[in-house]
Amino acid sequence: MEEITMETKKEGLAEDILYLFSKPVKQLHTIIGNTVTIREAIMNNFPVKQAEDPNGVKILNGGFQ
């Protein structure tokens, strides 16, 4: 995982949630909002250039950036 954009209800919550991934994320961007959700994820070696999951999360291949 290269980069994540995450919406949280308060500051600092995103870092706690990333702890659950058990792998480092190079960049974390947060948006304060009404939900706790991942908005965008950039990954290396993803099989397509761009996709969107059923929850509306944008998934991008870092190799195409």
PDB file of N, CA and C in Angstrom:
ATOM      1  N   MET A   1       0.849  -1.159   0.000  1.00  0.00           N
ATOM      2  CA  MET A   1       0.000   0.000   0.000  1.00  0.00           C
ATOM      3  C   MET A   1       0.898   1.226   0.000  1.00  0.00           C
ATOM      4  N   GLU A   2       0.737   2.065  -0.968  1.00  0.00           N
ATOM      5  CA  GLU A   2       1.569   3.257  -1.096  1.00  0.00           C
ATOM      6  C   GLU A   2       0.961   4.478  -0.401  1.00  0.00           C
ATOM      7  N   GLU A   3      -0.334   4.676  -0.588  1.00  0.00           N
ATOM      8  CA  GLU A   3      -0.971   5.904  -0.124  1.00  0.00           C
ATOM      9  C   GLU A   3      -2.445   5.631   0.160  1.00  0.00           C
ATOM     10  N   ILE A   4      -2.965   6.251   1.225  1.00  0.00           N
ATOM     11  CA  ILE A   4      -4.375   6.110   1.578  1.00  0.00           C
ATOM     12  C   ILE A   4      -4.947   7.488   1.870  1.00  0.00           C
ATOM     13  N   THR A   5      -6.145   7.748   1.364  1.00  0.00           N
ATOM     14  CA  THR A   5      -6.927   8.913   1.767  1.00  0.00           C
ATOM     15  C   THR A   5      -8.090   8.378   2.579  1.00  0.00           C
ATOM     16  N   MET A   6      -8.193   8.823   3.836  1.00  0.00           N
ATOM     17  CA  MET A   6      -9.169   8.278   4.754  1.00  0.00           C
ATOM     18  C   MET A   6     -10.010   9.392   5.365  1.00  0.00           C
ATOM     19  N   GLU A   7     -11.313   9.163   5.462  1.00  0.00           N
ATOM     20  CA  GLU A   7     -12.211  10.095   6.149  1.00  0.00           C
ATOM     21  C   GLU A   7     -12.421   9.580   7.563  1.00  0.00           C
ATOM     22  N   THR A   8     -12.246  10.454   8.550  1.00  0.00           N
ATOM     23  CA  THR A   8     -12.459  10.095   9.948  1.00  0.00           C
ATOM     24  C   THR A   8     -13.287  11.166  10.636  1.00  0.00           C
ATOM     25  N   LYS A   9     -13.806  10.832  11.801  1.00  0.00           N
ATOM     26  CA  LYS A   9     -14.624  11.785  12.552  1.00  0.00           C
ATOM     27  C   LYS A   9     -13.799  12.746  13.401  1.00  0.00           C
ATOM     28  N   LYS A  10     -12.529  12.364  13.697  1.00  0.00           N
ATOM     29  CA  LYS A  10     -11.678  13.244  14.494  1.00  0.00           C
ATOM     30  C   LYS A  10     -10.218  13.021  14.143  1.00  0.00           C
ATOM     31  N   GLU A  11      -9.376  13.972  14.484  1.00  0.00           N
ATOM     32  CA  GLU A  11      -7.934  13.897  14.231  1.00  0.00           C
ATOM     33  C   GLU A  11      -7.321  12.719  14.981  1.00  0.00           C
ATOM     34  N   GLY A  12      -6.325  12.073  14.367  1.00  0.00           N
ATOM     35  CA  GLY A  12      -5.586  11.013  15.022  1.00  0.00           C
ATOM     36  C   GLY A  12      -6.170   9.626  14.867  1.00  0.00           C
ATOM     37  N   LEU A  13      -7.427   9.522  14.512  1.00  0.00           N
ATOM     38  CA  LEU A  13      -8.071   8.216  14.393  1.00  0.00           C
ATOM     39  C   LEU A  13      -7.504   7.397  13.237  1.00  0.00           C
ATOM     40  N   ALA A  14      -7.111   8.037  12.154  1.00  0.00           N
ATOM     41  CA  ALA A  14      -6.590   7.327  10.977  1.00  0.00           C
ATOM     42  C   ALA A  14      -5.328   6.543  11.310  1.00  0.00           C
ATOM     43  N   GLU A  15      -4.429   7.126  12.093  1.00  0.00           N
ATOM     44  CA  GLU A  15      -3.199   6.431  12.462  1.00  0.00           C
ATOM     45  C   GLU A  15      -3.510   5.168  13.264  1.00  0.00           C
ATOM     46  N   ASP A  16      -4.511   5.241  14.139  1.00  0.00           N
ATOM     47  CA  ASP A  16      -4.907   4.066  14.912  1.00  0.00           C
ATOM     48  C   ASP A  16      -5.465   2.973  14.006  1.00  0.00           C
ATOM     49  N   ILE A  17      -6.250   3.350  13.019  1.00  0.00           N
ATOM     50  CA  ILE A  17      -6.832   2.379  12.099  1.00  0.00           C
ATOM     51  C   ILE A  17      -5.744   1.747  11.231  1.00  0.00           C
ATOM     52  N   LEU A  18      -4.769   2.530  10.783  1.00  0.00           N
ATOM     53  CA  LEU A  18      -3.679   1.998   9.958  1.00  0.00           C
ATOM     54  C   LEU A  18      -2.869   0.942  10.693  1.00  0.00           C
ATOM     55  N   TYR A  19      -2.839   1.011  12.001  1.00  0.00           N
ATOM     56  CA  TYR A  19      -2.141   0.001  12.798  1.00  0.00           C
ATOM     57  C   TYR A  19      -2.696  -1.394  12.494  1.00  0.00           C
ATOM     58  N   LEU A  20      -3.975  -1.487  12.148  1.00  0.00           N
ATOM     59  CA  LEU A  20      -4.609  -2.764  11.838  1.00  0.00           C
ATOM     60  C   LEU A  20      -4.097  -3.384  10.539  1.00  0.00           C
ATOM     61  N   PHE A  21      -3.530  -2.590   9.622  1.00  0.00           N
ATOM     62  CA  PHE A  21      -3.023  -3.104   8.357  1.00  0.00           C
ATOM     63  C   PHE A  21      -1.752  -3.946   8.543  1.00  0.00           C
ATOM     64  N   SER A  22      -1.022  -3.742   9.603  1.00  0.00           N
ATOM     65  CA  SER A  22       0.209  -4.463   9.926  1.00  0.00           C
ATOM     66  C   SER A  22       1.325  -4.267   8.903  1.00  0.00           C
ATOM     67  N   LYS A  23       1.180  -3.313   7.998  1.00  0.00           N
ATOM     68  CA  LYS A  23       2.219  -2.996   7.021  1.00  0.00           C
ATOM     69  C   LYS A  23       2.293  -1.472   6.908  1.00  0.00           C
ATOM     70  N   PRO A  24       3.481  -0.946   6.644  1.00  0.00           N
ATOM     71  CA  PRO A  24       3.602   0.517   6.551  1.00  0.00           C
ATOM     72  C   PRO A  24       2.896   1.084   5.320  1.00  0.00           C
ATOM     73  N   VAL A  25       2.367   2.280   5.478  1.00  0.00           N
ATOM     74  CA  VAL A  25       1.773   3.048   4.382  1.00  0.00           C
ATOM     75  C   VAL A  25       2.619   4.307   4.245  1.00  0.00           C
ATOM     76  N   LYS A  26       3.129   4.572   3.032  1.00  0.00           N
ATOM     77  CA  LYS A  26       4.058   5.689   2.835  1.00  0.00           C
ATOM     78  C   LYS A  26       3.423   7.046   3.095  1.00  0.00           C
ATOM     79  N   GLN A  27       2.193   7.246   2.628  1.00  0.00           N
ATOM     80  CA  GLN A  27       1.528   8.535   2.817  1.00  0.00           C
ATOM     81  C   GLN A  27       0.100   8.317   3.282  1.00  0.00           C
ATOM     82  N   LEU A  28      -0.315   9.123   4.242  1.00  0.00           N
ATOM     83  CA  LEU A  28      -1.674   9.074   4.761  1.00  0.00           C
ATOM     84  C   LEU A  28      -2.273  10.473   4.668  1.00  0.00           C
ATOM     85  N   HIS A  29      -3.404  10.575   4.031  1.00  0.00           N
ATOM     86  CA  HIS A  29      -4.133  11.840   3.945  1.00  0.00           C
ATOM     87  C   HIS A  29      -5.458  11.647   4.666  1.00  0.00           C
ATOM     88  N   THR A  30      -5.834  12.613   5.491  1.00  0.00           N
ATOM     89  CA  THR A  30      -7.095  12.489   6.213  1.00  0.00           C
ATOM     90  C   THR A  30      -8.031  13.638   5.873  1.00  0.00           C
ATOM     91  N   ILE A  31      -9.294  13.321   5.912  1.00  0.00           N
ATOM     92  CA  ILE A  31     -10.376  14.279   5.719  1.00  0.00           C
ATOM     93  C   ILE A  31     -11.283  14.125   6.935  1.00  0.00           C
ATOM     94  N   ILE A  32     -11.606  15.196   7.609  1.00  0.00           N
ATOM     95  CA  ILE A  32     -12.525  15.137   8.740  1.00  0.00           C
ATOM     96  C   ILE A  32     -13.949  15.186   8.186  1.00  0.00           C
ATOM     97  N   GLY A  33     -14.771  14.212   8.576  1.00  0.00           N
ATOM     98  CA  GLY A  33     -16.136  14.133   8.074  1.00  0.00           C
ATOM     99  C   GLY A  33     -17.037  13.415   9.051  1.00  0.00           C
ATOM    100  N   ASN A  34     -18.149  12.898   8.556  1.00  0.00           N
ATOM    101  CA  ASN A  34     -19.153  12.258   9.399  1.00  0.00           C
ATOM    102  C   ASN A  34     -19.004  10.743   9.481  1.00  0.00           C
ATOM    103  N   THR A  35     -18.078  10.155   8.725  1.00  0.00           N
ATOM    104  CA  THR A  35     -17.916   8.706   8.715  1.00  0.00           C
ATOM    105  C   THR A  35     -16.451   8.349   8.910  1.00  0.00           C
ATOM    106  N   VAL A  36     -16.201   7.065   9.097  1.00  0.00           N
ATOM    107  CA  VAL A  36     -14.839   6.548   9.128  1.00  0.00           C
ATOM    108  C   VAL A  36     -14.746   5.565   7.968  1.00  0.00           C
ATOM    109  N   THR A  37     -14.028   5.965   6.923  1.00  0.00           N
ATOM    110  CA  THR A  37     -13.946   5.131   5.726  1.00  0.00           C
ATOM    111  C   THR A  37     -12.697   5.467   4.922  1.00  0.00           C
ATOM    112  N   ILE A  38     -12.259   4.535   4.120  1.00  0.00           N
ATOM    113  CA  ILE A  38     -11.174   4.798   3.178  1.00  0.00           C
ATOM    114  C   ILE A  38     -11.797   5.361   1.911  1.00  0.00           C
ATOM    115  N   ARG A  39     -11.297   6.475   1.429  1.00  0.00           N
ATOM    116  CA  ARG A  39     -11.799   7.111   0.209  1.00  0.00           C
ATOM    117  C   ARG A  39     -10.998   6.700  -1.021  1.00  0.00           C
ATOM    118  N   GLU A  40      -9.676   6.568  -0.858  1.00  0.00           N
ATOM    119  CA  GLU A  40      -8.801   6.248  -1.985  1.00  0.00           C
ATOM    120  C   GLU A  40      -7.601   5.463  -1.481  1.00  0.00           C
ATOM    121  N   ALA A  41      -7.183   4.457  -2.252  1.00  0.00           N
ATOM    122  CA  ALA A  41      -5.997   3.669  -1.923  1.00  0.00           C
ATOM    123  C   ALA A  41      -5.135   3.533  -3.171  1.00  0.00           C
ATOM    124  N   ILE A  42      -3.853   3.791  -3.026  1.00  0.00           N
ATOM    125  CA  ILE A  42      -2.905   3.624  -4.130  1.00  0.00           C
ATOM    126  C   ILE A  42      -1.988   2.466  -3.756  1.00  0.00           C
ATOM    127  N   MET A  43      -1.962   1.443  -4.637  1.00  0.00           N
ATOM    128  CA  MET A  43      -1.181   0.232  -4.379  1.00  0.00           C
ATOM    129  C   MET A  43      -0.262  -0.053  -5.556  1.00  0.00           C
ATOM    130  N   ASN A  44       0.882  -0.642  -5.280  1.00  0.00           N
ATOM    131  CA  ASN A  44       1.771  -1.122  -6.338  1.00  0.00           C
ATOM    132  C   ASN A  44       1.333  -2.514  -6.766  1.00  0.00           C
ATOM    133  N   ASN A  45       1.582  -2.846  -8.023  1.00  0.00           N
ATOM    134  CA  ASN A  45       1.283  -4.170  -8.574  1.00  0.00           C
ATOM    135  C   ASN A  45      -0.195  -4.525  -8.555  1.00  0.00           C
ATOM    136  N   PHE A  46      -1.059  -3.534  -8.625  1.00  0.00           N
ATOM    137  CA  PHE A  46      -2.492  -3.782  -8.757  1.00  0.00           C
ATOM    138  C   PHE A  46      -2.759  -4.109 -10.221  1.00  0.00           C
ATOM    139  N   PRO A  47      -3.607  -5.105 -10.523  1.00  0.00           N
ATOM    140  CA  PRO A  47      -3.724  -5.590 -11.905  1.00  0.00           C
ATOM    141  C   PRO A  47      -4.367  -4.628 -12.910  1.00  0.00           C
ATOM    142  N   VAL A  48      -5.001  -3.566 -12.463  1.00  0.00           N
ATOM    143  CA  VAL A  48      -5.589  -2.587 -13.390  1.00  0.00           C
ATOM    144  C   VAL A  48      -5.121  -1.195 -13.005  1.00  0.00           C
ATOM    145  N   LYS A  49      -5.241  -0.254 -13.951  1.00  0.00           N
ATOM    146  CA  LYS A  49      -4.791   1.124 -13.708  1.00  0.00           C
ATOM    147  C   LYS A  49      -5.654   1.812 -12.658  1.00  0.00           C
ATOM    148  N   GLN A  50      -6.985   1.615 -12.728  1.00  0.00           N
ATOM    149  CA  GLN A  50      -7.903   2.286 -11.804  1.00  0.00           C
ATOM    150  C   GLN A  50      -9.151   1.442 -11.647  1.00  0.00           C
ATOM    151  N   ALA A  51      -9.687   1.398 -10.432  1.00  0.00           N
ATOM    152  CA  ALA A  51     -10.916   0.667 -10.160  1.00  0.00           C
ATOM    153  C   ALA A  51     -11.652   1.365  -9.024  1.00  0.00           C
ATOM    154  N   GLU A  52     -12.892   0.950  -8.795  1.00  0.00           N
ATOM    155  CA  GLU A  52     -13.668   1.451  -7.666  1.00  0.00           C
ATOM    156  C   GLU A  52     -14.391   0.265  -7.055  1.00  0.00           C
ATOM    157  N   ASP A  53     -14.250   0.088  -5.735  1.00  0.00           N
ATOM    158  CA  ASP A  53     -14.893  -1.057  -5.100  1.00  0.00           C
ATOM    159  C   ASP A  53     -16.369  -0.750  -4.842  1.00  0.00           C
ATOM    160  N   PRO A  54     -17.151  -1.737  -4.412  1.00  0.00           N
ATOM    161  CA  PRO A  54     -18.594  -1.518  -4.202  1.00  0.00           C
ATOM    162  C   PRO A  54     -18.932  -0.442  -3.170  1.00  0.00           C
ATOM    163  N   ASN A  55     -17.981  -0.111  -2.298  1.00  0.00           N
ATOM    164  CA  ASN A  55     -18.208   0.925  -1.289  1.00  0.00           C
ATOM    165  C   ASN A  55     -17.803   2.316  -1.770  1.00  0.00           C
ATOM    166  N   GLY A  56     -17.365   2.415  -3.020  1.00  0.00           N
ATOM    167  CA  GLY A  56     -16.981   3.708  -3.572  1.00  0.00           C
ATOM    168  C   GLY A  56     -15.536   4.088  -3.347  1.00  0.00           C
ATOM    169  N   VAL A  57     -14.702   3.160  -2.862  1.00  0.00           N
ATOM    170  CA  VAL A  57     -13.282   3.439  -2.651  1.00  0.00           C
ATOM    171  C   VAL A  57     -12.565   3.396  -3.996  1.00  0.00           C
ATOM    172  N   LYS A  58     -11.856   4.467  -4.337  1.00  0.00           N
ATOM    173  CA  LYS A  58     -11.061   4.505  -5.567  1.00  0.00           C
ATOM    174  C   LYS A  58      -9.755   3.768  -5.322  1.00  0.00           C
ATOM    175  N   ILE A  59      -9.433   2.809  -6.180  1.00  0.00           N
ATOM    176  CA  ILE A  59      -8.198   2.032  -6.058  1.00  0.00           C
ATOM    177  C   ILE A  59      -7.350   2.322  -7.288  1.00  0.00           C
ATOM    178  N   LEU A  60      -6.146   2.813  -7.058  1.00  0.00           N
ATOM    179  CA  LEU A  60      -5.250   3.203  -8.148  1.00  0.00           C
ATOM    180  C   LEU A  60      -3.972   2.381  -8.080  1.00  0.00           C
ATOM    181  N   ASN A  61      -3.392   2.066  -9.235  1.00  0.00           N
ATOM    182  CA  ASN A  61      -2.110   1.380  -9.312  1.00  0.00           C
ATOM    183  C   ASN A  61      -1.006   2.421  -9.276  1.00  0.00           C
ATOM    184  N   GLY A  62      -0.161   2.373  -8.260  1.00  0.00           N
ATOM    185  CA  GLY A  62       0.928   3.338  -8.108  1.00  0.00           C
ATOM    186  C   GLY A  62       1.897   3.327  -9.261  1.00  0.00           C
ATOM    187  N   GLY A  63       2.016   2.223  -9.996  1.00  0.00           N
ATOM    188  CA  GLY A  63       2.916   2.130 -11.139  1.00  0.00           C
ATOM    189  C   GLY A  63       2.506   2.989 -12.310  1.00  0.00           C
ATOM    190  N   PHE A  64       1.240   3.421 -12.379  1.00  0.00           N
ATOM    191  CA  PHE A  64       0.747   4.227 -13.482  1.00  0.00           C
ATOM    192  C   PHE A  64       0.750   5.696 -13.156  1.00  0.00           C
ATOM    193  N   GLN A  65       1.171   6.103 -11.979  1.00  0.00           N
ATOM    194  CA  GLN A  65       1.113   7.504 -11.569  1.00  0.00           C
ATOM    195  C   GLN A  65       2.242   8.294 -12.154  1.00  0.00           C
TER     196      GLN A  65
END
